[in-house]
Amino acid sequence: MSDSRSTGTTLVDVAGIDDLAPGEPLLVRVDEIPVCLVRLDDEVLAVHDVCTHALESLSGGWVDDDRIECPRHGAQFSLRTGDVLTPPATQTLPTFAVELRDGRVLVDPTPSREHPLIR
């Protein structure tokens, strides 16, 4: 349930695990960065909330297994890696390490990769 990628930065408490309905995206802010959380079975995955194609909020999209689809043009991304799975998007999403502790969802504010929309 914990992602070992954590950089030692202070994790940000963003939600209770019960706030996340399985398979339903939830928009949270992690140090002012919009992050899309998705609960899949016993884990929570986090990606940057902004589609790299049309800057649409992915938390308004649909989840199928471990992929999320942008509601505007249908680009799909892996929730595990941020990789683009279908066009029209071409740029990978940053992901964020997540830790579950005492029923709370904690997110590392350090993205997995640099991204022009995260400064």
N, C-alpha and C. Protein backbone atom coordinates (compact mmCIF):
# COMPACT_ATOMS: atom_id res chain seq x y z
N MET A 1 0.81 -1.19 0.00
CA MET A 1 0.00 0.00 0.00
C MET A 1 0.85 1.25 0.00
N SER A 2 2.10 1.12 0.17
CA SER A 2 3.00 2.25 0.19
C SER A 2 3.87 2.20 -1.06
N ASP A 3 4.22 3.34 -1.59
CA ASP A 3 5.07 3.42 -2.76
C ASP A 3 6.46 3.78 -2.28
N SER A 4 7.43 2.96 -2.60
CA SER A 4 8.79 3.16 -2.11
C SER A 4 9.52 4.30 -2.80
N ARG A 5 8.88 4.96 -3.76
CA ARG A 5 9.51 6.06 -4.47
C ARG A 5 9.64 7.32 -3.61
N SER A 6 8.99 7.37 -2.48
CA SER A 6 8.97 8.56 -1.63
C SER A 6 10.37 9.14 -1.47
N THR A 7 10.47 10.44 -1.56
CA THR A 7 11.76 11.12 -1.57
C THR A 7 12.23 11.58 -0.20
N GLY A 8 11.50 11.26 0.83
CA GLY A 8 11.85 11.75 2.15
C GLY A 8 11.20 13.08 2.46
N THR A 9 10.48 13.65 1.49
CA THR A 9 9.74 14.88 1.69
C THR A 9 8.58 14.58 2.64
N THR A 10 8.09 15.60 3.28
CA THR A 10 6.94 15.43 4.15
C THR A 10 5.72 15.08 3.32
N LEU A 11 5.08 13.97 3.69
CA LEU A 11 3.87 13.55 3.00
C LEU A 11 2.71 14.46 3.40
N VAL A 12 1.79 14.66 2.48
CA VAL A 12 0.65 15.54 2.70
C VAL A 12 -0.60 14.68 2.89
N ASP A 13 -1.29 14.89 4.00
CA ASP A 13 -2.55 14.18 4.29
C ASP A 13 -3.64 14.85 3.47
N VAL A 14 -4.25 14.08 2.53
CA VAL A 14 -5.21 14.68 1.61
C VAL A 14 -6.63 14.17 1.75
N ALA A 15 -6.82 12.98 2.35
CA ALA A 15 -8.17 12.41 2.43
C ALA A 15 -8.17 11.20 3.34
N GLY A 16 -9.36 10.81 3.73
CA GLY A 16 -9.53 9.54 4.42
C GLY A 16 -9.78 8.47 3.37
N ILE A 17 -9.35 7.26 3.65
CA ILE A 17 -9.56 6.18 2.68
C ILE A 17 -11.05 6.00 2.39
N ASP A 18 -11.90 6.26 3.38
CA ASP A 18 -13.34 6.13 3.18
C ASP A 18 -13.93 7.23 2.29
N ASP A 19 -13.15 8.30 2.04
CA ASP A 19 -13.59 9.36 1.14
C ASP A 19 -13.48 8.94 -0.33
N LEU A 20 -12.77 7.83 -0.57
CA LEU A 20 -12.52 7.37 -1.93
C LEU A 20 -13.40 6.16 -2.25
N ALA A 21 -14.35 6.35 -3.13
CA ALA A 21 -15.15 5.22 -3.61
C ALA A 21 -14.30 4.45 -4.61
N PRO A 22 -14.25 3.13 -4.54
CA PRO A 22 -13.44 2.36 -5.48
C PRO A 22 -13.76 2.70 -6.93
N GLY A 23 -12.70 3.00 -7.70
CA GLY A 23 -12.85 3.28 -9.12
C GLY A 23 -13.38 4.65 -9.47
N GLU A 24 -13.59 5.51 -8.47
CA GLU A 24 -14.09 6.87 -8.71
C GLU A 24 -12.97 7.88 -8.47
N PRO A 25 -12.60 8.68 -9.47
CA PRO A 25 -11.54 9.67 -9.30
C PRO A 25 -11.94 10.75 -8.29
N LEU A 26 -10.95 11.23 -7.56
CA LEU A 26 -11.15 12.32 -6.60
C LEU A 26 -10.04 13.33 -6.78
N LEU A 27 -10.43 14.59 -6.97
CA LEU A 27 -9.46 15.69 -7.09
C LEU A 27 -9.07 16.17 -5.70
N VAL A 28 -7.76 16.23 -5.45
CA VAL A 28 -7.23 16.80 -4.21
C VAL A 28 -6.11 17.76 -4.59
N ARG A 29 -5.68 18.57 -3.64
CA ARG A 29 -4.55 19.48 -3.85
C ARG A 29 -3.42 19.04 -2.94
N VAL A 30 -2.25 18.91 -3.53
CA VAL A 30 -1.05 18.55 -2.79
C VAL A 30 -0.06 19.68 -3.00
N ASP A 31 0.11 20.51 -1.98
CA ASP A 31 0.95 21.71 -2.12
C ASP A 31 0.57 22.50 -3.37
N GLU A 32 -0.72 22.74 -3.55
CA GLU A 32 -1.29 23.51 -4.66
C GLU A 32 -1.25 22.78 -6.00
N ILE A 33 -0.76 21.56 -6.05
CA ILE A 33 -0.74 20.78 -7.29
C ILE A 33 -2.04 19.97 -7.36
N PRO A 34 -2.79 20.07 -8.46
CA PRO A 34 -4.00 19.25 -8.58
C PRO A 34 -3.61 17.79 -8.85
N VAL A 35 -4.10 16.91 -8.00
CA VAL A 35 -3.77 15.50 -8.09
C VAL A 35 -5.07 14.70 -8.13
N CYS A 36 -5.11 13.72 -9.02
CA CYS A 36 -6.25 12.82 -9.15
C CYS A 36 -5.93 11.53 -8.40
N LEU A 37 -6.74 11.21 -7.39
CA LEU A 37 -6.60 9.97 -6.63
C LEU A 37 -7.62 8.96 -7.12
N VAL A 38 -7.21 7.70 -7.20
CA VAL A 38 -8.14 6.63 -7.54
C VAL A 38 -7.83 5.44 -6.64
N ARG A 39 -8.89 4.94 -6.00
CA ARG A 39 -8.76 3.75 -5.16
C ARG A 39 -9.09 2.52 -6.00
N LEU A 40 -8.12 1.60 -6.05
CA LEU A 40 -8.30 0.34 -6.75
C LEU A 40 -8.06 -0.78 -5.72
N ASP A 41 -9.10 -1.49 -5.36
CA ASP A 41 -9.00 -2.54 -4.36
C ASP A 41 -8.32 -2.01 -3.10
N ASP A 42 -7.14 -2.53 -2.77
CA ASP A 42 -6.46 -2.16 -1.52
C ASP A 42 -5.36 -1.12 -1.71
N GLU A 43 -5.35 -0.42 -2.83
CA GLU A 43 -4.32 0.59 -3.05
C GLU A 43 -4.94 1.87 -3.58
N VAL A 44 -4.20 2.95 -3.43
CA VAL A 44 -4.61 4.25 -3.97
C VAL A 44 -3.49 4.72 -4.88
N LEU A 45 -3.87 5.14 -6.08
CA LEU A 45 -2.91 5.63 -7.06
C LEU A 45 -3.15 7.13 -7.27
N ALA A 46 -2.09 7.85 -7.59
CA ALA A 46 -2.17 9.30 -7.75
C ALA A 46 -1.42 9.75 -9.00
N VAL A 47 -2.11 10.53 -9.84
CA VAL A 47 -1.49 11.12 -11.03
C VAL A 47 -1.83 12.61 -11.05
N HIS A 48 -1.03 13.36 -11.81
CA HIS A 48 -1.34 14.77 -12.01
C HIS A 48 -2.73 14.85 -12.63
N ASP A 49 -3.57 15.76 -12.16
CA ASP A 49 -4.97 15.81 -12.56
C ASP A 49 -5.22 16.43 -13.93
N VAL A 50 -4.21 16.98 -14.58
CA VAL A 50 -4.43 17.74 -15.80
C VAL A 50 -3.98 16.93 -17.02
N CYS A 51 -4.92 16.66 -17.92
CA CYS A 51 -4.63 15.93 -19.15
C CYS A 51 -3.56 16.68 -19.94
N THR A 52 -2.57 15.96 -20.42
CA THR A 52 -1.47 16.59 -21.15
C THR A 52 -1.86 16.99 -22.57
N HIS A 53 -3.05 16.63 -23.01
CA HIS A 53 -3.49 17.01 -24.35
C HIS A 53 -4.28 18.32 -24.34
N ALA A 54 -5.34 18.37 -23.54
CA ALA A 54 -6.24 19.52 -23.61
C ALA A 54 -6.43 20.22 -22.27
N LEU A 55 -5.58 19.91 -21.30
CA LEU A 55 -5.58 20.55 -19.99
C LEU A 55 -6.91 20.37 -19.24
N GLU A 56 -7.62 19.31 -19.53
CA GLU A 56 -8.88 18.97 -18.85
C GLU A 56 -8.57 18.26 -17.53
N SER A 57 -9.46 18.43 -16.55
CA SER A 57 -9.31 17.75 -15.27
C SER A 57 -9.64 16.26 -15.44
N LEU A 58 -8.68 15.41 -15.15
CA LEU A 58 -8.89 13.98 -15.27
C LEU A 58 -9.83 13.42 -14.20
N SER A 59 -9.97 14.15 -13.10
CA SER A 59 -10.86 13.66 -12.05
C SER A 59 -12.32 13.66 -12.50
N GLY A 60 -12.61 14.31 -13.62
CA GLY A 60 -13.94 14.26 -14.20
C GLY A 60 -14.09 13.13 -15.21
N GLY A 61 -13.05 12.32 -15.34
CA GLY A 61 -13.04 11.25 -16.32
C GLY A 61 -13.50 9.91 -15.75
N TRP A 62 -13.20 8.86 -16.51
CA TRP A 62 -13.66 7.51 -16.18
C TRP A 62 -12.48 6.60 -15.93
N VAL A 63 -12.67 5.69 -14.99
CA VAL A 63 -11.64 4.71 -14.65
C VAL A 63 -12.07 3.35 -15.14
N ASP A 64 -11.15 2.65 -15.80
CA ASP A 64 -11.36 1.28 -16.24
C ASP A 64 -10.11 0.51 -15.87
N ASP A 65 -10.25 -0.38 -14.89
CA ASP A 65 -9.12 -1.13 -14.36
C ASP A 65 -8.09 -0.12 -13.82
N ASP A 66 -6.87 -0.11 -14.34
CA ASP A 66 -5.86 0.83 -13.83
C ASP A 66 -5.53 1.91 -14.85
N ARG A 67 -6.56 2.34 -15.60
CA ARG A 67 -6.38 3.44 -16.55
C ARG A 67 -7.48 4.47 -16.34
N ILE A 68 -7.14 5.72 -16.67
CA ILE A 68 -8.13 6.79 -16.57
C ILE A 68 -8.28 7.44 -17.94
N GLU A 69 -9.52 7.80 -18.28
CA GLU A 69 -9.82 8.40 -19.57
C GLU A 69 -10.23 9.85 -19.38
N CYS A 70 -9.63 10.73 -20.15
CA CYS A 70 -9.96 12.16 -20.11
C CYS A 70 -11.38 12.37 -20.64
N PRO A 71 -12.18 13.17 -19.93
CA PRO A 71 -13.56 13.37 -20.38
C PRO A 71 -13.70 14.23 -21.64
N ARG A 72 -12.66 14.96 -22.02
CA ARG A 72 -12.79 15.86 -23.17
C ARG A 72 -12.58 15.14 -24.50
N HIS A 73 -11.44 14.49 -24.70
CA HIS A 73 -11.15 13.87 -26.00
C HIS A 73 -10.84 12.39 -25.91
N GLY A 74 -10.94 11.80 -24.72
CA GLY A 74 -10.80 10.36 -24.59
C GLY A 74 -9.39 9.81 -24.48
N ALA A 75 -8.38 10.67 -24.32
CA ALA A 75 -7.03 10.15 -24.11
C ALA A 75 -7.03 9.31 -22.83
N GLN A 76 -6.27 8.21 -22.84
CA GLN A 76 -6.20 7.35 -21.68
C GLN A 76 -4.77 7.27 -21.17
N PHE A 77 -4.67 7.21 -19.83
CA PHE A 77 -3.38 7.16 -19.16
C PHE A 77 -3.37 6.02 -18.16
N SER A 78 -2.19 5.45 -17.95
CA SER A 78 -2.01 4.46 -16.89
C SER A 78 -1.99 5.17 -15.55
N LEU A 79 -2.80 4.70 -14.62
CA LEU A 79 -2.78 5.27 -13.28
C LEU A 79 -1.52 4.84 -12.52
N ARG A 80 -0.90 3.75 -12.93
CA ARG A 80 0.30 3.24 -12.25
C ARG A 80 1.57 3.97 -12.68
N THR A 81 1.69 4.26 -13.98
CA THR A 81 2.92 4.84 -14.50
C THR A 81 2.77 6.24 -15.07
N GLY A 82 1.54 6.65 -15.36
CA GLY A 82 1.29 7.93 -16.03
C GLY A 82 1.46 7.87 -17.53
N ASP A 83 1.84 6.70 -18.06
CA ASP A 83 2.07 6.56 -19.49
C ASP A 83 0.79 6.82 -20.29
N VAL A 84 0.95 7.42 -21.46
CA VAL A 84 -0.16 7.62 -22.39
C VAL A 84 -0.48 6.26 -23.01
N LEU A 85 -1.76 5.89 -22.97
CA LEU A 85 -2.19 4.61 -23.53
C LEU A 85 -2.92 4.77 -24.85
N THR A 86 -3.58 5.93 -25.05
CA THR A 86 -4.27 6.20 -26.31
C THR A 86 -4.15 7.68 -26.65
N PRO A 87 -4.12 8.02 -27.95
CA PRO A 87 -4.11 9.42 -28.34
C PRO A 87 -5.47 10.05 -28.04
N PRO A 88 -5.59 11.35 -28.07
CA PRO A 88 -4.68 12.29 -28.70
C PRO A 88 -3.53 12.77 -27.80
N ALA A 89 -3.51 12.43 -26.53
CA ALA A 89 -2.39 12.85 -25.67
C ALA A 89 -1.11 12.15 -26.13
N THR A 90 0.02 12.82 -25.95
CA THR A 90 1.31 12.24 -26.30
C THR A 90 2.32 12.35 -25.15
N GLN A 91 2.02 13.16 -24.14
CA GLN A 91 2.97 13.39 -23.04
C GLN A 91 2.52 12.64 -21.79
N THR A 92 3.46 11.95 -21.16
CA THR A 92 3.21 11.17 -19.95
C THR A 92 2.84 12.08 -18.79
N LEU A 93 1.97 11.58 -17.93
CA LEU A 93 1.59 12.30 -16.70
C LEU A 93 2.58 12.01 -15.58
N PRO A 94 2.86 12.97 -14.73
CA PRO A 94 3.60 12.67 -13.51
C PRO A 94 2.70 11.86 -12.57
N THR A 95 3.31 10.97 -11.81
CA THR A 95 2.60 10.24 -10.77
C THR A 95 3.16 10.69 -9.42
N PHE A 96 2.46 10.31 -8.36
CA PHE A 96 2.87 10.70 -7.01
C PHE A 96 2.82 9.48 -6.11
N ALA A 97 3.82 9.35 -5.25
CA ALA A 97 3.84 8.25 -4.29
C ALA A 97 2.73 8.45 -3.27
N VAL A 98 2.07 7.34 -2.91
CA VAL A 98 0.97 7.36 -1.96
C VAL A 98 1.27 6.39 -0.83
N GLU A 99 0.93 6.80 0.38
CA GLU A 99 1.04 5.93 1.54
C GLU A 99 -0.29 5.95 2.28
N LEU A 100 -0.75 4.79 2.69
CA LEU A 100 -1.96 4.70 3.51
C LEU A 100 -1.51 4.46 4.94
N ARG A 101 -2.02 5.33 5.85
CA ARG A 101 -1.62 5.21 7.26
C ARG A 101 -2.81 5.55 8.14
N ASP A 102 -3.20 4.59 8.97
CA ASP A 102 -4.29 4.80 9.93
C ASP A 102 -5.56 5.33 9.27
N GLY A 103 -5.90 4.77 8.10
CA GLY A 103 -7.12 5.17 7.42
C GLY A 103 -7.02 6.48 6.66
N ARG A 104 -5.83 7.05 6.58
CA ARG A 104 -5.62 8.31 5.88
C ARG A 104 -4.79 8.08 4.62
N VAL A 105 -4.99 8.93 3.62
CA VAL A 105 -4.24 8.89 2.36
C VAL A 105 -3.22 10.02 2.41
N LEU A 106 -1.94 9.66 2.32
CA LEU A 106 -0.84 10.62 2.35
C LEU A 106 -0.14 10.59 0.99
N VAL A 107 0.13 11.76 0.44
CA VAL A 107 0.73 11.86 -0.88
C VAL A 107 2.04 12.64 -0.79
N ASP A 108 3.06 12.11 -1.46
CA ASP A 108 4.34 12.80 -1.57
C ASP A 108 4.18 13.90 -2.61
N PRO A 109 4.47 15.16 -2.28
CA PRO A 109 4.28 16.25 -3.24
C PRO A 109 5.30 16.29 -4.38
N THR A 110 6.30 15.41 -4.34
CA THR A 110 7.32 15.39 -5.38
C THR A 110 6.84 14.52 -6.55
N PRO A 111 6.63 15.11 -7.73
CA PRO A 111 6.18 14.30 -8.87
C PRO A 111 7.27 13.34 -9.34
N SER A 112 6.83 12.29 -10.02
CA SER A 112 7.76 11.28 -10.54
C SER A 112 8.64 11.82 -11.65
N ARG A 113 8.20 12.86 -12.32
CA ARG A 113 8.95 13.45 -13.42
C ARG A 113 8.60 14.92 -13.52
N GLU A 114 9.50 15.67 -14.15
CA GLU A 114 9.24 17.08 -14.36
C GLU A 114 8.08 17.24 -15.34
N HIS A 115 7.36 18.31 -15.17
CA HIS A 115 6.21 18.59 -16.02
C HIS A 115 6.03 20.08 -16.10
N PRO A 116 5.76 20.64 -17.29
CA PRO A 116 5.66 22.09 -17.43
C PRO A 116 4.55 22.74 -16.60
N LEU A 117 3.52 21.97 -16.23
CA LEU A 117 2.42 22.55 -15.45
C LEU A 117 2.66 22.46 -13.94
N ILE A 118 3.76 21.83 -13.54
CA ILE A 118 4.11 21.74 -12.12
C ILE A 118 5.40 22.52 -11.92
N ARG A 119 5.32 23.57 -11.15
CA ARG A 119 6.51 24.41 -10.91
C ARG A 119 6.89 24.38 -9.47
